[in-house]
C-alpha cells in the first residue's frame, strides 16, 4: 500500500510541472539584415504580427529564423489556488507569486508555416482538466489519454495553420485545445503570446553534419515509465520506495568488511592508475559489494571529495572486462551484430543493425539532476590525463617499478583517440570511452565528431573502422585477453588460498592459545586438588589421633573426673593442627 501511495504521489509531482517561459536574452546584431540587436524573447505579442516578414537573417544561405509561440499564459498564483482547493488546503499563503506560465507552445518557420511535431503541451494541462471536469485525477489511463489528445491536436494544428498563423486560426485551434485540456488563462489574455526567436544554422550543401537545432520543450522523463508500472511495482522498485532493513552495519562488523575484501570478491578489472592511487579500504568494500551483491540497486553516499567518482571508475573498468569476456566468445566480432531492418535508398541498400543483448547489457549511463556533474564525469574519463600521468610528476614510491611499466603501456593506448579528442575540443584523449549527451547540443557535437574535421586534418571514425586489420588480429587480441584474464584469475585464486591458509593458521594459533590457557587452568586445578588432598590426609590423621585420645577412660579416671595427661596433650595438638589447616 505504501508503494502504491508513493507512486501516485510521484506521478502527481511529475505531472504538475508547469510550462516555464524562456528567460530574456539578446540575439547578436550581425544575425539580422538590418544589423540591429534584438531581444530573443518578446512578450504580449499579437498572433496577427508576422515576424517572418519583418525579420530577415543577414546571411540567408547560412541562417534561418524560427519563432516559438507560448500560448494561453496564466499566473502561478492561480495554479496554486486551484491545487490548494483540490486538496482542501487551508494553510495561509505568506507570499503570493505571479510568475507567468504557458499552457502550450508551438513553432512557426521562416515562411510563417507551422513546424510539424513542434506542438508541446505540459502534462499539467490534463491534470487541470481532470480536476475541473471530474474532481479526481485519472491516473490509470492518464498516459494513454494524453497521447491520444496530443495526436488529435497535432493533426489539427497542421490543418488549422496550413495557410500560416494569424489570430483567427489561433482562436480556432485554442478552442479545440480546450475540449481536451484545461488552462487557467483569463479570456482577455488568450489572444496574446510570448514569442521566442531562434536563429538556426543551415547545413552546408552535401554536408553530413547535423546543425544546431531548436531545443524542444520537455515533460518529465519519468512519467511514461511511472504509468507503465501502474499499481504493481516489482520487488526492486518496492524496495527502493519502502526501503529495506539494514542487515549488517559493517561499521560495527569487522568480519563483514574482511569477508567483502576477500580476493575472490575483487573485480577482474581496475581503472588504469598508479598503484599508490588505488582505492581505499572502504572504497574497495563499496566496489566489491556493488559488483558481487545481489541487489539490483546499490547506493553509495558521501559528501563531495570522498571518492564516489573514483570508485565508480573501478566499477566501469570491471564492466568493460565482463563485456570483453562475452565478446571474446565470438569467432568474429561482426557476430555481435544482427540486422533488424533494411532500407533501400535509390540503388543503395542500407541496413539497420542491433547489438547483441549480451553485449548491450553492459551499456552504462551516468545520469543526474545536476547536468554539470554528469558532463564533468563523462568528459573527464576519456582524457589521457585520467590514465597516463608522467612519472616525473609523481613522488617516488616502492611501487615505482610497476608504475613505470604501467605508464609506458598507458602512453600507447589508442581506442579511437582521434575521434574522442575532437569531441573533447582538441584535448588529448586515450580513447572513445564516454561522451556527454543529454542536451541536443551535446548529442550533435558527438555525432558530428564521428565525421572528423577536414579543416584540422582529422579523419572520421568510419575510415578507421573500415581500415583493413592484419590477418588473425581478432584471434590474437582474444588470445591475449584470455591470457591476461587467466593470469588475473589465477592470482586471485592464489591470493584467496593464501588468505584462507593464513586464516586457518590464525585459527590454529587461536586454538593453541586457548588450549594453553585451558592447560594452565587445568594445571592450577590439579595443584589445588593436590593441596586439598593433602589437607584431607592431614585431617584424617588428626581424626585418627583424636580417636586414640578419646578412648573410653578407666575406672579410676572416671572416678577422679580427669583425663590422662597423655590424652590432654593429644587433644591440644589436634586443636593446633586444625587451626593451621583452616
Foldseek 3Di string as FASTA:
>chain_A
DLLLVVLVVVLVVLQQDFAADDDKDKDQQQQWCVSDIDIQKDWFAFQADDVLVVTDTNDNLWKWKKKKWQFQKFFPQLVVVLVCVLVVPPDDDPDRGGHITGQWMFMATSVQATDQPQIDGGSSQQVSVCCVPPSDGDLQCSVVLVVVLVVVLSVLSNVLQVVHIHQVSQVVSVVSVCVRTHGPHDPVSRRTTMMGMDMWTDDDPPDPADTDDDFGDDRDPCNVVSNVCPSPHDPQSVCVSVPDDDPDDCVPPVVLLVVLPQLVLAFLFAQADAPVPDDDSVLRSQLSCVVPPPHPDDDDDDDPPPQPLVSVRGNLGRLVLVLLVVCLVDPDNCVQKDFDDWDDDPPDIDTDIDGHPSNCVSDDDDDDPDLVVRQVSQLPVFALCSNADDVVPPDDDPRVVVVVVRNVVSVPQAAVQLLSCQLNVNGGGRHPPGFRDDTPVRVSSSVNSQCPDVVVPGHHVVVVVPDDDPPCPSVVVSVVSVVSSVVSVVVSVVSNVVVVVVVVVVVVVVVVVVVVVVVVVVVVVVVVVVLVVVLVVVLVVLVVLLVVLPPDDDPVCVVVVHGDPVSVVSVVVSVVVVVVSD
